[in-house]
N, C-alpha and C. Protein backbone atom coordinates (compact mmCIF):
# COMPACT_ATOMS: atom_id res chain seq x y z
N MET A 1 79.53 110.60 66.01
CA MET A 1 80.85 111.06 66.36
C MET A 1 81.44 110.22 67.49
N GLN A 2 80.58 109.93 68.48
CA GLN A 2 81.01 109.11 69.60
C GLN A 2 81.41 107.71 69.12
N LEU A 3 80.66 107.16 68.17
CA LEU A 3 80.92 105.84 67.63
C LEU A 3 82.26 105.80 66.90
N THR A 4 82.59 106.84 66.19
CA THR A 4 83.86 106.93 65.47
C THR A 4 85.03 106.94 66.44
N HIS A 5 84.92 107.70 67.55
CA HIS A 5 86.00 107.74 68.54
C HIS A 5 86.19 106.36 69.20
N GLU A 6 85.10 105.67 69.48
CA GLU A 6 85.20 104.34 70.09
C GLU A 6 85.85 103.36 69.13
N ARG A 7 85.47 103.46 67.86
CA ARG A 7 86.07 102.58 66.86
C ARG A 7 87.55 102.89 66.70
N ASP A 8 87.92 104.16 66.66
CA ASP A 8 89.33 104.55 66.55
C ASP A 8 90.12 104.08 67.77
N ASP A 9 89.53 104.22 68.94
CA ASP A 9 90.20 103.77 70.16
C ASP A 9 90.40 102.24 70.15
N ALA A 10 89.40 101.51 69.65
CA ALA A 10 89.50 100.05 69.57
C ALA A 10 90.58 99.65 68.57
N LEU A 11 90.65 100.33 67.42
CA LEU A 11 91.70 100.03 66.44
C LEU A 11 93.08 100.36 66.99
N TYR A 12 93.20 101.48 67.68
CA TYR A 12 94.49 101.86 68.28
C TYR A 12 94.91 100.83 69.33
N LEU A 13 93.95 100.37 70.14
CA LEU A 13 94.26 99.36 71.16
C LEU A 13 94.68 98.06 70.51
N ALA A 14 94.02 97.65 69.43
CA ALA A 14 94.38 96.42 68.72
C ALA A 14 95.77 96.53 68.11
N GLN A 15 96.09 97.69 67.51
CA GLN A 15 97.42 97.89 66.94
C GLN A 15 98.48 97.89 68.03
N THR A 16 98.18 98.51 69.17
CA THR A 16 99.12 98.55 70.28
C THR A 16 99.38 97.14 70.80
N ARG A 17 98.34 96.32 70.93
CA ARG A 17 98.52 94.94 71.38
C ARG A 17 99.32 94.13 70.37
N ASP A 18 99.05 94.33 69.08
CA ASP A 18 99.80 93.62 68.04
C ASP A 18 101.27 94.01 68.07
N ASN A 19 101.54 95.31 68.21
CA ASN A 19 102.94 95.76 68.29
C ASN A 19 103.62 95.20 69.54
N ALA A 20 102.89 95.15 70.66
CA ALA A 20 103.46 94.61 71.89
C ALA A 20 103.78 93.12 71.72
N ARG A 21 102.90 92.39 71.03
CA ARG A 21 103.14 90.96 70.78
C ARG A 21 104.38 90.76 69.92
N ILE A 22 104.53 91.57 68.89
CA ILE A 22 105.70 91.49 68.01
C ILE A 22 106.97 91.83 68.77
N MET A 23 106.93 92.87 69.57
CA MET A 23 108.11 93.28 70.35
C MET A 23 108.49 92.21 71.38
N THR A 24 107.48 91.57 71.97
CA THR A 24 107.76 90.50 72.93
C THR A 24 108.48 89.35 72.24
N GLY A 25 108.06 89.00 71.03
CA GLY A 25 108.74 87.94 70.27
C GLY A 25 110.17 88.32 69.93
N ILE A 26 110.38 89.57 69.55
CA ILE A 26 111.74 90.04 69.22
C ILE A 26 112.62 90.01 70.46
N ARG A 27 112.08 90.50 71.59
CA ARG A 27 112.86 90.49 72.84
C ARG A 27 113.20 89.07 73.27
N ALA A 28 112.25 88.15 73.10
CA ALA A 28 112.50 86.76 73.46
C ALA A 28 113.61 86.16 72.60
N GLU A 29 113.61 86.48 71.32
CA GLU A 29 114.64 85.98 70.43
C GLU A 29 116.01 86.57 70.79
N ILE A 30 116.05 87.85 71.11
CA ILE A 30 117.31 88.47 71.52
C ILE A 30 117.82 87.81 72.80
N ARG A 31 116.92 87.57 73.78
CA ARG A 31 117.32 86.94 75.04
C ARG A 31 117.81 85.52 74.80
N GLU A 32 117.16 84.80 73.89
CA GLU A 32 117.59 83.44 73.58
C GLU A 32 119.00 83.45 73.00
N ASN A 33 119.29 84.38 72.10
CA ASN A 33 120.64 84.48 71.52
C ASN A 33 121.68 84.81 72.59
N GLU A 34 121.31 85.71 73.53
CA GLU A 34 122.24 86.03 74.62
C GLU A 34 122.53 84.80 75.48
N LEU A 35 121.48 84.03 75.78
CA LEU A 35 121.67 82.84 76.61
C LEU A 35 122.48 81.77 75.88
N LEU A 36 122.27 81.60 74.58
CA LEU A 36 123.07 80.65 73.81
C LEU A 36 124.54 81.05 73.80
N HIS A 37 124.79 82.35 73.70
CA HIS A 37 126.17 82.84 73.74
C HIS A 37 126.80 82.56 75.11
N GLN A 38 126.04 82.77 76.18
CA GLN A 38 126.55 82.47 77.52
C GLN A 38 126.83 80.98 77.68
N ILE A 39 125.97 80.14 77.13
CA ILE A 39 126.19 78.70 77.21
C ILE A 39 127.47 78.31 76.50
N GLU A 40 127.73 78.89 75.32
CA GLU A 40 128.97 78.60 74.60
C GLU A 40 130.19 79.00 75.42
N GLU A 41 130.13 80.17 76.04
CA GLU A 41 131.26 80.62 76.87
C GLU A 41 131.46 79.70 78.07
N LEU A 42 130.35 79.26 78.69
CA LEU A 42 130.46 78.38 79.85
C LEU A 42 130.99 77.00 79.45
N GLN A 43 130.64 76.52 78.27
CA GLN A 43 131.16 75.24 77.81
C GLN A 43 132.67 75.32 77.61
N ILE A 44 133.15 76.44 77.10
CA ILE A 44 134.59 76.63 76.94
C ILE A 44 135.26 76.61 78.31
N ASP A 45 134.65 77.29 79.31
CA ASP A 45 135.20 77.29 80.66
C ASP A 45 135.23 75.88 81.25
N VAL A 46 134.17 75.12 81.02
CA VAL A 46 134.12 73.75 81.54
C VAL A 46 135.22 72.90 80.92
N HIS A 47 135.44 73.02 79.62
CA HIS A 47 136.50 72.25 78.96
C HIS A 47 137.87 72.66 79.50
N ARG A 48 138.07 73.95 79.69
CA ARG A 48 139.35 74.42 80.22
C ARG A 48 139.59 73.87 81.62
N LEU A 49 138.57 73.94 82.49
CA LEU A 49 138.71 73.41 83.85
C LEU A 49 138.90 71.90 83.85
N ASN A 50 138.21 71.21 82.96
CA ASN A 50 138.38 69.76 82.86
C ASN A 50 139.80 69.41 82.45
N ASN A 51 140.37 70.19 81.55
CA ASN A 51 141.76 69.95 81.14
C ASN A 51 142.74 70.24 82.27
N GLN A 52 142.38 71.17 83.16
CA GLN A 52 143.25 71.44 84.32
C GLN A 52 143.15 70.30 85.33
N ILE A 53 141.95 69.75 85.52
CA ILE A 53 141.77 68.67 86.49
C ILE A 53 142.34 67.36 85.95
N ASN A 54 142.07 67.06 84.71
CA ASN A 54 142.52 65.81 84.07
C ASN A 54 143.37 66.16 82.86
N PRO A 55 144.61 66.56 83.07
CA PRO A 55 145.44 66.97 81.92
C PRO A 55 145.84 65.76 81.07
N ILE A 56 146.00 66.03 79.79
CA ILE A 56 146.49 65.02 78.87
C ILE A 56 148.02 65.09 78.91
N PRO A 57 148.69 63.98 79.25
CA PRO A 57 150.15 64.03 79.35
C PRO A 57 150.79 64.23 77.97
N HIS A 58 151.76 65.12 77.94
CA HIS A 58 152.51 65.37 76.70
C HIS A 58 153.96 65.10 76.95
N PRO A 59 154.66 64.36 76.20
CA PRO A 59 154.18 63.43 75.17
C PRO A 59 153.49 62.23 75.82
N ILE A 60 152.78 61.46 75.01
CA ILE A 60 152.08 60.29 75.51
C ILE A 60 153.12 59.31 76.03
N PRO A 61 152.97 58.81 77.27
CA PRO A 61 153.98 57.94 77.85
C PRO A 61 154.11 56.62 77.09
N VAL A 62 155.34 56.15 76.98
CA VAL A 62 155.64 54.89 76.33
C VAL A 62 155.98 53.89 77.42
N TYR A 63 155.32 52.75 77.38
CA TYR A 63 155.56 51.71 78.37
C TYR A 63 156.40 50.62 77.71
N PRO A 64 157.71 50.59 77.96
CA PRO A 64 158.58 49.65 77.27
C PRO A 64 158.28 48.19 77.61
N MET A 65 157.74 47.92 78.76
CA MET A 65 157.45 46.53 79.14
C MET A 65 156.27 45.98 78.33
N VAL A 66 155.42 46.85 77.88
CA VAL A 66 154.22 46.41 77.17
C VAL A 66 154.45 46.38 75.66
N GLY A 67 155.34 47.19 75.16
CA GLY A 67 155.64 47.14 73.74
C GLY A 67 155.26 48.40 72.99
N GLY A 68 154.95 49.46 73.66
CA GLY A 68 154.62 50.68 72.94
C GLY A 68 153.69 51.54 73.76
N PRO A 69 153.23 52.63 73.16
CA PRO A 69 152.36 53.53 73.90
C PRO A 69 150.98 52.91 74.17
N GLN A 70 150.69 52.69 75.42
CA GLN A 70 149.39 52.25 75.90
C GLN A 70 148.84 51.05 75.12
N VAL A 71 149.65 50.02 74.95
CA VAL A 71 149.24 48.80 74.27
C VAL A 71 149.07 47.71 75.32
N ILE A 72 147.94 47.04 75.25
CA ILE A 72 147.70 45.95 76.18
C ILE A 72 147.69 44.66 75.37
N ILE A 73 148.52 43.69 75.80
CA ILE A 73 148.60 42.41 75.12
C ILE A 73 147.84 41.40 75.95
N ALA A 74 146.89 40.72 75.31
CA ALA A 74 146.08 39.73 76.02
C ALA A 74 146.58 38.34 75.70
N ASP A 75 146.39 37.41 76.64
CA ASP A 75 146.74 36.02 76.41
C ASP A 75 145.76 35.42 75.41
N ASP A 76 146.26 34.54 74.55
CA ASP A 76 145.41 33.89 73.56
C ASP A 76 144.61 32.81 74.25
N ASP A 77 143.28 32.89 74.14
CA ASP A 77 142.44 31.88 74.77
C ASP A 77 142.07 30.76 73.82
N GLY A 78 142.59 30.81 72.58
CA GLY A 78 142.36 29.75 71.62
C GLY A 78 141.03 29.85 70.90
N MET A 79 140.25 30.82 71.20
CA MET A 79 138.96 30.98 70.52
C MET A 79 139.07 32.09 69.49
N ASP A 80 139.35 31.69 68.26
CA ASP A 80 139.47 32.67 67.19
C ASP A 80 138.08 33.02 66.68
N LEU A 81 137.86 34.29 66.45
CA LEU A 81 136.56 34.75 65.96
C LEU A 81 136.80 35.61 64.74
N ASP A 82 136.20 35.22 63.64
CA ASP A 82 136.31 36.00 62.42
C ASP A 82 135.06 36.87 62.31
N ALA A 83 135.24 38.17 62.32
CA ALA A 83 134.11 39.09 62.33
C ALA A 83 133.34 39.08 61.02
N ASN A 84 133.96 38.63 59.92
CA ASN A 84 133.28 38.65 58.63
C ASN A 84 132.43 37.41 58.38
N VAL A 85 132.55 36.40 59.24
CA VAL A 85 131.80 35.16 59.05
C VAL A 85 130.54 35.24 59.88
N VAL A 86 129.41 34.99 59.23
CA VAL A 86 128.12 35.01 59.91
C VAL A 86 127.59 33.58 59.92
N ALA A 87 127.21 33.10 61.09
CA ALA A 87 126.68 31.75 61.20
C ALA A 87 125.29 31.71 60.59
N VAL A 88 125.10 30.77 59.64
CA VAL A 88 123.81 30.61 58.99
C VAL A 88 123.25 29.26 59.42
N PRO A 89 122.05 29.24 59.97
CA PRO A 89 121.48 27.96 60.39
C PRO A 89 121.19 27.08 59.18
N GLU A 90 121.43 25.77 59.35
CA GLU A 90 121.20 24.84 58.25
C GLU A 90 119.70 24.62 58.08
N ALA A 91 119.29 24.46 56.84
CA ALA A 91 117.88 24.24 56.55
C ALA A 91 117.49 22.83 56.97
N ASP A 92 116.25 22.64 57.33
CA ASP A 92 115.77 21.31 57.72
C ASP A 92 115.82 20.39 56.51
N LYS A 93 116.29 19.13 56.74
CA LYS A 93 116.39 18.17 55.64
C LYS A 93 115.01 17.74 55.15
N GLU A 94 114.03 17.79 56.04
CA GLU A 94 112.69 17.38 55.64
C GLU A 94 112.14 18.30 54.57
N GLU A 95 112.42 19.58 54.67
CA GLU A 95 111.93 20.53 53.68
C GLU A 95 112.59 20.31 52.33
N GLU A 96 113.88 19.94 52.35
CA GLU A 96 114.60 19.74 51.09
C GLU A 96 114.12 18.48 50.38
N GLU A 97 113.76 17.45 51.13
CA GLU A 97 113.39 16.18 50.55
C GLU A 97 111.92 16.10 50.15
N GLU A 98 111.15 17.09 50.44
CA GLU A 98 109.73 17.07 50.12
C GLU A 98 109.53 17.08 48.60
N GLU A 99 108.74 16.14 48.13
CA GLU A 99 108.49 16.05 46.70
C GLU A 99 107.19 16.77 46.36
N LEU A 100 107.20 17.41 45.22
CA LEU A 100 106.00 18.11 44.76
C LEU A 100 105.38 17.32 43.63
N ASN A 101 104.14 16.97 43.80
CA ASN A 101 103.42 16.24 42.76
C ASN A 101 102.60 17.24 41.96
N PRO A 102 102.73 17.19 40.63
CA PRO A 102 101.95 18.13 39.83
C PRO A 102 100.46 17.82 39.92
N VAL A 103 99.66 18.86 39.92
CA VAL A 103 98.21 18.72 39.98
C VAL A 103 97.67 18.89 38.58
N LYS A 104 96.72 18.02 38.21
CA LYS A 104 96.13 18.09 36.86
C LYS A 104 94.63 18.26 36.99
N ASP A 105 94.08 19.00 36.05
CA ASP A 105 92.64 19.20 36.05
C ASP A 105 91.94 18.05 35.29
N GLU A 106 90.63 18.20 35.00
CA GLU A 106 89.87 17.13 34.36
C GLU A 106 90.40 16.77 32.97
N ASP A 107 90.99 17.76 32.26
CA ASP A 107 91.47 17.52 30.90
C ASP A 107 92.86 16.93 30.88
N GLY A 108 93.47 16.79 32.04
CA GLY A 108 94.81 16.22 32.09
C GLY A 108 95.91 17.26 31.94
N GLU A 109 95.52 18.53 31.90
CA GLU A 109 96.53 19.58 31.77
C GLU A 109 97.01 19.99 33.15
N GLY A 110 98.27 20.43 33.21
CA GLY A 110 98.83 20.85 34.49
C GLY A 110 98.20 22.13 34.97
N VAL A 111 98.02 22.20 36.28
CA VAL A 111 97.42 23.38 36.91
C VAL A 111 98.55 24.17 37.60
N ILE A 112 98.56 25.47 37.40
CA ILE A 112 99.59 26.31 38.00
C ILE A 112 99.11 26.74 39.37
N ASP A 113 99.99 26.59 40.33
CA ASP A 113 99.66 27.02 41.70
C ASP A 113 99.53 28.54 41.72
N ALA A 114 98.54 29.03 42.45
CA ALA A 114 98.29 30.47 42.50
C ALA A 114 99.40 31.22 43.20
N ASN A 115 100.20 30.54 44.02
CA ASN A 115 101.26 31.21 44.78
C ASN A 115 102.59 31.24 44.05
N THR A 116 102.68 30.66 42.87
CA THR A 116 103.95 30.65 42.14
C THR A 116 103.88 31.60 40.97
N ASP A 117 105.04 31.98 40.50
CA ASP A 117 105.16 32.89 39.37
C ASP A 117 105.50 32.12 38.09
N GLU A 118 105.51 30.80 38.13
CA GLU A 118 105.89 30.01 36.97
C GLU A 118 104.83 30.11 35.88
N GLY A 119 105.28 30.14 34.65
CA GLY A 119 104.37 30.16 33.53
C GLY A 119 103.68 31.49 33.32
N VAL A 120 104.13 32.52 33.98
CA VAL A 120 103.49 33.82 33.84
C VAL A 120 104.26 34.63 32.84
């Protein structure tokens, strides 16, 4: 009888600990959601305060001396750069002029180099 009570008490304690662990996880998740909501509200406040400190002028000012709204004209330095052209280094002429001599075996037949895909 004593053994049964001890076993029941141990099972009850294990269930209580398991329930406490589950509730702790749920509470942590609820707290995380609350903190995320507070962060969102604070970000909105920061944006609002930033707009008060650094307001965006309405309408955007036009600078007639420059030629339009916030346009900066630079002097031409004579160095035109085409973004679509990529410089390709020229191949060495020695590599182009290298001659390949065919290799023949004892029977006089051509031997295929193991590194080429020719004749396959």
